Protein backbone atom coordinates (compact mmCIF):
# COMPACT_ATOMS: atom_id res chain seq x y z
CA ARG A 1 22.17 -31.79 -21.06
CA THR A 2 20.05 -30.63 -24.01
CA ALA A 3 16.53 -29.41 -24.65
CA GLU A 4 15.88 -32.56 -26.68
CA GLU A 5 16.71 -34.75 -23.68
CA LEU A 6 14.46 -32.64 -21.49
CA MET A 7 11.62 -32.96 -24.00
CA ALA A 8 12.08 -36.75 -24.11
CA ASP A 9 11.86 -36.90 -20.32
CA LEU A 10 8.72 -34.75 -20.36
CA ASP A 11 7.14 -37.03 -22.94
CA LYS A 12 7.78 -40.05 -20.76
CA ALA A 13 6.45 -38.33 -17.65
CA LEU A 14 3.29 -37.03 -19.29
CA SER A 15 2.57 -40.46 -20.75
CA LEU A 16 2.10 -41.62 -17.15
CA VAL A 17 -0.15 -38.77 -16.02
CA PRO A 18 -3.86 -38.30 -16.88
CA GLY A 19 -5.41 -35.01 -17.94
CA LYS A 20 -4.27 -31.93 -19.85
CA HIS A 21 -1.20 -29.91 -18.91
CA LYS A 22 1.05 -26.91 -19.39
CA ILE A 23 4.84 -26.83 -19.30
CA ASN A 24 6.66 -23.96 -17.60
CA VAL A 25 10.02 -23.12 -19.18
CA HIS A 26 12.71 -20.80 -17.90
CA ALA A 27 14.46 -18.30 -20.13
CA ILE A 28 17.61 -20.43 -19.88
CA TYR A 29 15.79 -23.16 -21.85
CA ALA A 30 16.07 -21.07 -25.01
CA MET A 31 17.26 -22.97 -28.08
CA ALA A 32 19.60 -20.84 -30.23
CA ASP A 33 21.32 -23.50 -32.38
CA GLY A 34 24.59 -23.15 -30.50
CA GLU A 35 24.63 -19.37 -30.69
CA VAL A 36 25.31 -17.54 -27.43
CA VAL A 37 22.45 -15.09 -26.90
CA GLU A 38 22.47 -12.89 -23.82
CA ARG A 39 19.28 -13.01 -21.80
CA ASP A 40 18.32 -9.43 -22.56
CA LYS A 41 18.46 -10.22 -26.29
CA LEU A 42 16.28 -13.35 -26.32
CA GLU A 43 13.41 -13.37 -28.82
CA PRO A 44 10.44 -15.61 -29.63
CA LYS A 45 12.48 -17.31 -32.37
CA HIS A 46 14.73 -18.80 -29.70
CA PHE A 47 11.73 -20.70 -28.31
CA GLU A 48 10.16 -21.90 -31.55
CA PRO A 49 11.07 -25.56 -30.87
CA TRP A 50 9.19 -25.38 -27.57
CA VAL A 51 6.09 -24.11 -29.36
CA ALA A 52 6.36 -26.92 -31.90
CA PHE A 53 6.74 -29.41 -29.03
CA ALA A 54 3.67 -28.02 -27.25
CA LYS A 55 1.52 -27.84 -30.38
CA ALA A 56 2.21 -31.45 -31.27
CA ARG A 57 1.07 -32.59 -27.81
CA GLY A 58 -1.79 -30.20 -27.05
CA LEU A 59 0.14 -28.52 -24.24
CA GLY A 60 0.23 -24.93 -23.06
CA LEU A 61 3.44 -23.08 -22.23
CA ASP A 62 4.34 -20.70 -19.41
CA ILE A 63 7.55 -18.66 -19.11
CA ASN A 64 9.87 -17.49 -16.35
CA PRO A 65 12.60 -14.90 -16.80
CA THR A 66 15.77 -16.33 -15.24
CA LEU A 67 17.20 -13.82 -12.77
CA PHE A 68 19.90 -16.01 -11.26
CA SER A 69 22.97 -18.08 -12.26
CA HIS A 70 24.50 -15.16 -14.14
CA PRO A 71 27.50 -12.85 -13.55
CA LEU A 72 25.16 -9.86 -13.19
CA ALA A 73 23.33 -11.64 -10.37
CA ALA A 74 26.49 -12.76 -8.57
CA ASP A 75 25.99 -10.38 -5.64
CA GLY A 76 22.36 -11.43 -5.17
CA LEU A 77 20.77 -8.26 -6.57
CA THR A 78 19.00 -7.80 -9.90
CA LEU A 79 15.97 -5.53 -10.39
CA SER A 80 16.74 -3.73 -7.13
CA HIS A 81 20.46 -3.33 -7.77
CA PRO A 82 21.95 0.12 -6.95
CA ASP A 83 23.80 0.07 -10.29
CA ALA A 84 21.45 1.32 -13.01
CA ALA A 85 23.35 -0.64 -15.69
CA VAL A 86 22.71 -3.91 -13.88
CA ARG A 87 19.05 -3.04 -13.44
CA ARG A 88 18.84 -2.16 -17.14
CA PHE A 89 20.07 -5.62 -18.15
CA TRP A 90 17.49 -7.38 -16.01
CA ILE A 91 14.67 -5.02 -16.96
CA ASP A 92 15.36 -5.69 -20.62
CA HIS A 93 15.50 -9.43 -19.95
CA CYS A 94 12.08 -9.38 -18.26
CA LYS A 95 10.62 -7.28 -21.07
CA ALA A 96 11.99 -9.76 -23.61
CA MET A 97 10.36 -12.66 -21.76
CA ARG A 98 6.99 -10.94 -21.79
CA LYS A 99 7.22 -10.85 -25.59
CA VAL A 100 8.12 -14.54 -25.60
CA GLY A 101 5.13 -15.24 -23.36
CA GLU A 102 2.82 -13.29 -25.67
CA TYR A 103 4.17 -15.39 -28.55
CA PHE A 104 3.37 -18.58 -26.62
CA GLY A 105 -0.17 -17.41 -25.95
CA ARG A 106 -0.87 -16.37 -29.55
CA GLU A 107 0.59 -19.53 -31.07
CA LEU A 108 -1.04 -22.00 -28.69
CA GLY A 109 -4.36 -20.28 -27.98
CA ILE A 110 -3.76 -20.71 -24.23
CA PRO A 111 -2.77 -17.75 -22.02
CA CYS A 112 0.88 -17.89 -20.97
CA VAL A 113 1.73 -17.13 -17.35
CA ASN A 114 4.85 -14.98 -17.12
CA ASN A 115 6.16 -15.19 -13.56
CA VAL A 116 8.72 -12.75 -12.14
CA TRP A 117 10.72 -13.95 -9.15
CA ILE A 118 13.98 -12.34 -8.10
CA PRO A 119 16.60 -13.49 -5.54
CA ASP A 120 17.30 -9.97 -4.26
CA GLY A 121 18.08 -9.47 -0.60
CA TYR A 122 20.75 -9.14 2.06
CA LYS A 123 22.43 -11.64 4.34
CA ASP A 124 22.59 -9.27 7.32
CA ILE A 125 20.41 -6.47 8.65
CA PRO A 126 20.17 -3.78 5.95
CA ALA A 127 20.76 -0.08 6.47
CA ASP A 128 18.06 0.77 3.92
CA ARG A 129 14.90 -1.22 3.25
CA LEU A 130 12.98 1.43 1.36
CA GLY A 131 15.59 2.14 -1.32
CA PRO A 132 15.82 -1.40 -2.75
CA ARG A 133 12.05 -1.73 -2.78
CA ARG A 134 11.67 1.62 -4.50
CA ARG A 135 14.14 0.50 -7.17
CA LEU A 136 12.27 -2.80 -7.58
CA LYS A 137 8.98 -0.94 -7.98
CA GLU A 138 10.46 1.34 -10.62
CA SER A 139 11.94 -1.63 -12.48
CA LEU A 140 8.62 -3.48 -12.46
CA ASP A 141 6.78 -0.35 -13.60
CA GLU A 142 8.98 -0.23 -16.68
CA ILE A 143 8.75 -3.98 -17.31
CA PHE A 144 4.95 -3.94 -17.24
CA ALA A 145 4.51 -0.57 -18.96
CA GLU A 146 3.57 -2.18 -22.27
CA LYS A 147 0.05 -3.56 -22.01
CA ILE A 148 -0.29 -7.03 -23.51
CA ASP A 149 -3.66 -8.68 -24.12
CA ASN A 150 -4.41 -11.04 -21.23
CA ARG A 151 -5.84 -13.52 -23.70
CA TYR A 152 -2.19 -14.22 -24.46
CA LEU A 153 -0.19 -13.19 -21.37
CA ILE A 154 -0.85 -13.15 -17.64
CA ASP A 155 1.79 -11.39 -15.54
CA THR A 156 2.46 -12.75 -12.05
CA VAL A 157 4.83 -11.66 -9.28
CA GLU A 158 6.18 -14.10 -6.67
CA SER A 159 7.22 -13.25 -3.13
CA LYS A 160 9.48 -15.00 -0.64
CA VAL A 161 10.10 -14.66 3.07
CA PHE A 162 13.86 -15.35 2.90
CA GLY A 163 16.50 -17.36 1.07
CA ILE A 164 19.84 -18.93 1.83
CA GLY A 165 22.36 -16.09 1.76
CA VAL A 166 19.63 -13.46 2.10
CA GLU A 167 18.34 -14.43 5.52
CA SER A 168 17.81 -10.93 6.92
CA PHE A 169 16.03 -9.07 4.13
CA THR A 170 14.12 -10.02 1.00
CA VAL A 171 13.27 -7.14 -1.32
CA GLY A 172 10.30 -8.88 -2.95
CA SER A 173 8.35 -9.67 0.20
CA HIS A 174 4.73 -10.81 0.32
CA GLU A 175 3.52 -7.38 1.39
CA PHE A 176 5.42 -5.71 -1.43
CA TYR A 177 4.02 -7.93 -4.18
CA LEU A 178 0.52 -8.12 -2.72
CA ASN A 179 0.26 -4.35 -2.93
CA TYR A 180 2.07 -4.11 -6.25
CA ALA A 181 -0.21 -6.66 -7.90
CA ALA A 182 -3.32 -4.94 -6.55
CA GLN A 183 -2.27 -1.58 -8.00
CA ASN A 184 -0.85 -2.74 -11.31
CA ASP A 185 -3.17 -5.32 -12.87
CA ALA A 186 -0.80 -8.19 -12.11
CA VAL A 187 -1.51 -11.49 -10.36
CA CYS A 188 0.05 -12.25 -6.99
CA LEU A 189 1.68 -15.68 -6.97
CA LEU A 190 1.80 -17.66 -3.72
CA ASP A 191 4.49 -20.34 -3.39
CA ASN A 192 3.63 -22.43 -0.34
CA GLY A 193 7.34 -22.89 0.40
CA HIS A 194 7.97 -19.15 0.55
CA TYR A 195 6.39 -18.33 3.91
CA HIS A 196 7.12 -18.91 7.56
CA PRO A 197 6.62 -22.62 8.40
CA THR A 198 3.60 -21.76 10.56
CA GLU A 199 1.87 -19.91 7.69
CA VAL A 200 -0.32 -21.89 5.31
CA VAL A 201 -1.27 -20.82 1.81
CA SER A 202 -4.60 -22.63 2.12
CA ASP A 203 -5.67 -19.88 4.53
CA LYS A 204 -4.47 -17.13 2.17
CA ILE A 205 -6.35 -18.35 -0.93
CA PRO A 206 -9.92 -17.36 0.11
CA SER A 207 -8.78 -13.94 1.34
CA MET A 208 -6.97 -13.28 -1.93
CA LEU A 209 -9.98 -14.36 -3.98
CA LEU A 210 -12.18 -11.78 -2.26
CA PHE A 211 -10.05 -8.97 -3.67
CA ALA A 212 -8.43 -10.34 -6.83
CA ASP A 213 -9.83 -11.80 -10.00
CA LYS A 214 -7.07 -14.41 -10.13
CA VAL A 215 -4.52 -15.96 -7.80
CA ALA A 216 -1.49 -17.96 -8.91
CA LEU A 217 0.13 -20.81 -7.01
CA HIS A 218 3.45 -22.59 -6.99
CA ILE A 219 2.74 -25.86 -5.21
CA THR A 220 5.79 -27.32 -3.54
CA ARG A 221 6.79 -29.00 -0.29
CA GLY A 222 9.10 -27.11 1.99
CA VAL A 223 10.83 -29.19 4.65
CA ARG A 224 11.82 -26.65 7.33
CA TRP A 225 12.57 -24.11 4.59
CA ASP A 226 11.96 -23.55 0.89
CA SER A 227 13.52 -26.90 -0.02
CA ASP A 228 11.18 -27.74 -2.94
CA HIS A 229 10.79 -31.40 -1.99
CA VAL A 230 8.59 -33.46 -4.30
CA VAL A 231 4.91 -32.71 -3.68
CA ILE A 232 3.06 -35.44 -1.78
CA PHE A 233 -0.60 -35.98 -0.96
CA ASP A 234 -0.30 -34.35 2.47
CA ASP A 235 -2.69 -32.32 4.59
CA GLU A 236 -1.73 -28.86 3.33
CA LEU A 237 -1.99 -29.93 -0.30
CA LYS A 238 -5.50 -31.24 0.41
CA GLU A 239 -6.42 -28.03 2.23
CA MET A 240 -5.25 -25.88 -0.70
CA ALA A 241 -7.30 -28.00 -3.09
CA LYS A 242 -10.34 -27.78 -0.81
CA GLU A 243 -10.17 -23.98 -0.74
CA ILE A 244 -9.92 -23.76 -4.52
CA VAL A 245 -12.98 -25.97 -4.93
CA ARG A 246 -14.97 -24.50 -2.00
CA CYS A 247 -14.48 -21.01 -3.39
CA ASP A 248 -15.65 -22.15 -6.84
CA ALA A 249 -12.30 -20.89 -8.10
CA LEU A 250 -11.01 -23.63 -10.39
CA GLY A 251 -11.10 -21.08 -13.21
CA ARG A 252 -9.48 -18.34 -11.13
CA VAL A 253 -6.54 -20.08 -9.48
CA LEU A 254 -3.55 -20.69 -11.75
CA ILE A 255 -1.90 -23.85 -10.46
CA GLY A 256 1.79 -24.42 -11.14
CA LEU A 257 4.06 -27.04 -9.58
CA ASP A 258 7.52 -26.05 -8.36
CA TYR A 259 9.70 -28.84 -7.00
CA PHE A 260 12.72 -31.01 -7.78
CA ASP A 261 14.87 -33.73 -6.25
CA ALA A 262 18.11 -34.62 -7.98
CA SER A 263 18.65 -37.57 -5.61
CA ILE A 264 15.84 -39.67 -7.10
CA ASN A 265 14.48 -40.70 -10.50
CA ARG A 266 13.57 -37.39 -12.16
CA VAL A 267 10.71 -38.78 -14.23
CA ALA A 268 9.26 -40.55 -11.22
CA ALA A 269 9.52 -37.33 -9.20
CA TRP A 270 7.58 -35.39 -11.83
CA VAL A 271 4.89 -38.06 -12.20
CA SER A 272 4.40 -38.63 -8.49
CA GLY A 273 4.10 -34.91 -7.73
CA ILE A 274 1.67 -34.19 -10.55
CA ARG A 275 -0.53 -37.15 -9.66
CA SER A 276 -0.56 -36.04 -6.01
CA VAL A 277 -1.92 -32.62 -6.96
CA GLN A 278 -4.55 -34.20 -9.20
CA LYS A 279 -5.58 -36.53 -6.38
CA ALA A 280 -5.94 -33.57 -4.02
CA LEU A 281 -8.18 -31.73 -6.48
CA LEU A 282 -10.28 -34.85 -7.03
CA TYR A 283 -10.56 -35.41 -3.28
CA ALA A 284 -11.80 -31.83 -2.88
CA LEU A 285 -14.27 -32.14 -5.76
CA LEU A 286 -15.89 -35.20 -4.16
CA LEU A 287 -16.51 -33.60 -0.76
CA PRO A 288 -20.03 -32.38 0.23
CA HIS A 289 -18.97 -28.78 0.80
CA ASP A 290 -22.51 -27.37 1.07
CA THR A 291 -23.35 -29.85 3.83
CA LEU A 292 -20.14 -29.12 5.70
CA ARG A 293 -20.63 -25.37 5.35
CA GLU A 294 -24.17 -25.67 6.74
CA LEU A 295 -22.90 -27.60 9.77
CA GLN A 296 -20.37 -24.82 10.46
CA ASP A 297 -22.95 -22.05 10.05
CA ASN A 298 -25.35 -23.89 12.38
CA GLY A 299 -22.68 -24.29 15.02
CA ASP A 300 -22.82 -28.09 14.87
CA PHE A 301 -19.09 -28.52 15.33
CA THR A 302 -19.39 -32.06 16.70
CA ARG A 303 -20.98 -33.37 13.54
CA LEU A 304 -18.64 -31.24 11.41
CA MET A 305 -15.58 -32.80 13.05
CA VAL A 306 -16.99 -36.31 12.77
CA MET A 307 -17.98 -35.85 9.13
CA ASN A 308 -14.54 -34.51 8.22
CA GLU A 309 -12.92 -37.53 9.87
CA GLU A 310 -15.23 -40.08 8.24
CA LEU A 311 -14.87 -38.50 4.79
CA LYS A 312 -11.14 -39.23 4.91
CA CYS A 313 -11.98 -42.91 4.40
CA TYR A 314 -14.57 -42.45 1.67
CA PRO A 315 -13.61 -44.28 -1.54
CA PHE A 316 -12.23 -41.46 -3.68
CA ALA A 317 -9.42 -43.78 -4.86
CA GLU A 318 -11.86 -45.73 -7.02
CA VAL A 319 -12.78 -42.52 -8.85
CA TRP A 320 -9.09 -41.72 -9.31
CA GLU A 321 -8.42 -45.16 -10.77
CA ASN A 322 -11.32 -44.75 -13.19
CA PHE A 323 -9.91 -41.36 -14.24
CA CYS A 324 -6.53 -42.96 -14.95
CA GLU A 325 -8.14 -45.78 -16.92
CA GLU A 326 -10.17 -43.34 -19.04
CA HIS A 327 -6.95 -41.51 -19.94
CA LYS A 328 -5.12 -44.79 -20.61
CA VAL A 329 -2.36 -44.25 -18.06
CA PRO A 330 -1.24 -46.81 -15.46
CA VAL A 331 -3.31 -47.21 -12.32
CA ARG A 332 -1.85 -47.09 -8.81
CA GLU A 333 1.90 -47.69 -8.58
CA ASP A 334 2.05 -49.62 -11.85
CA TRP A 335 3.47 -46.51 -13.54
CA LEU A 336 6.67 -46.69 -11.50
CA ALA A 337 7.94 -49.73 -13.39
CA VAL A 338 7.78 -47.72 -16.62
CA ALA A 339 9.71 -44.82 -15.06
CA GLU A 340 12.33 -47.17 -13.63
CA GLN A 341 12.82 -48.87 -16.99
CA TYR A 342 13.23 -45.47 -18.66
CA GLU A 343 15.78 -44.49 -16.02
CA LYS A 344 17.74 -47.69 -16.60
CA GLU A 345 17.62 -47.58 -20.41
CA VAL A 346 17.81 -43.81 -21.04
CA LEU A 347 18.76 -41.65 -18.05
CA PHE A 348 21.66 -43.78 -16.81
CA GLY A 349 23.03 -43.87 -20.36
CA ARG A 350 23.59 -40.10 -20.29
CA GLN A 351 26.21 -40.20 -17.55
């Protein structure tokens, strides 16, 4: 209900997770002391409490402009809208969020990722595909016209194959943003719930890294569509982690998590998903990639298959438990009791 409640929940979740982290906030998480501030008028001052929160905990901050849940997004069009006045509002909002992101980066000494995702599209077959994409390109050109030091701000653009209500046409498709990012010094962001179910982001990562300095990820779990189920330690998560490690790209891939489930304990959902991603990265770091690569190059596919199967049972869990112990967070499922107690004593009391 309030930013303070959200911060308290984050504190509880992060107390159960090892390692160092960043928090991604949406523009709608601005804190204006009760004042109503339109999104195109937001300033760094409206996010000062978030910076104080992050500084006190050694966290970084990322930012998302919020191009949905607003009267000027009611018809599902924002930066590609035919009405120039509507586009102007959203352009100015995105420009304002870049300044907020720069503020985050300067204050915290950690680059802020500013991610642009829009819901724009059409429910049925469009009469014009080029026009909306031309308008989106022109809007983005204006948004990114001011160059901001990438020590403070990293601009990313996020594609999607389709959405509910825009099943037939998505303006910001993968091809659009892949080309736009390549031409405009932006980073292409891959959300593994935003593609056809037979596509896998793990296969896209190495191709992207051949041509781009950085790649950004939103790690989620799509069940039949972009449903954002809580991330679990499944095969595709492990494959994404393997590609990041195999490509020696831990410093080049910007990993963000993007999921929710309002039907379960929110703190437990956060903790479980974060720990799953960390486990996947650890699993990948412990694999003998040079040996496996040599088997592939030598055509020894029998031994490669056998090795991959046997490695699944190697004792990486002991290393994970040691990592948790070193960071003084609960080992195995012991953390769930803390989350359940917090839910009982704090979350249920908010109803």
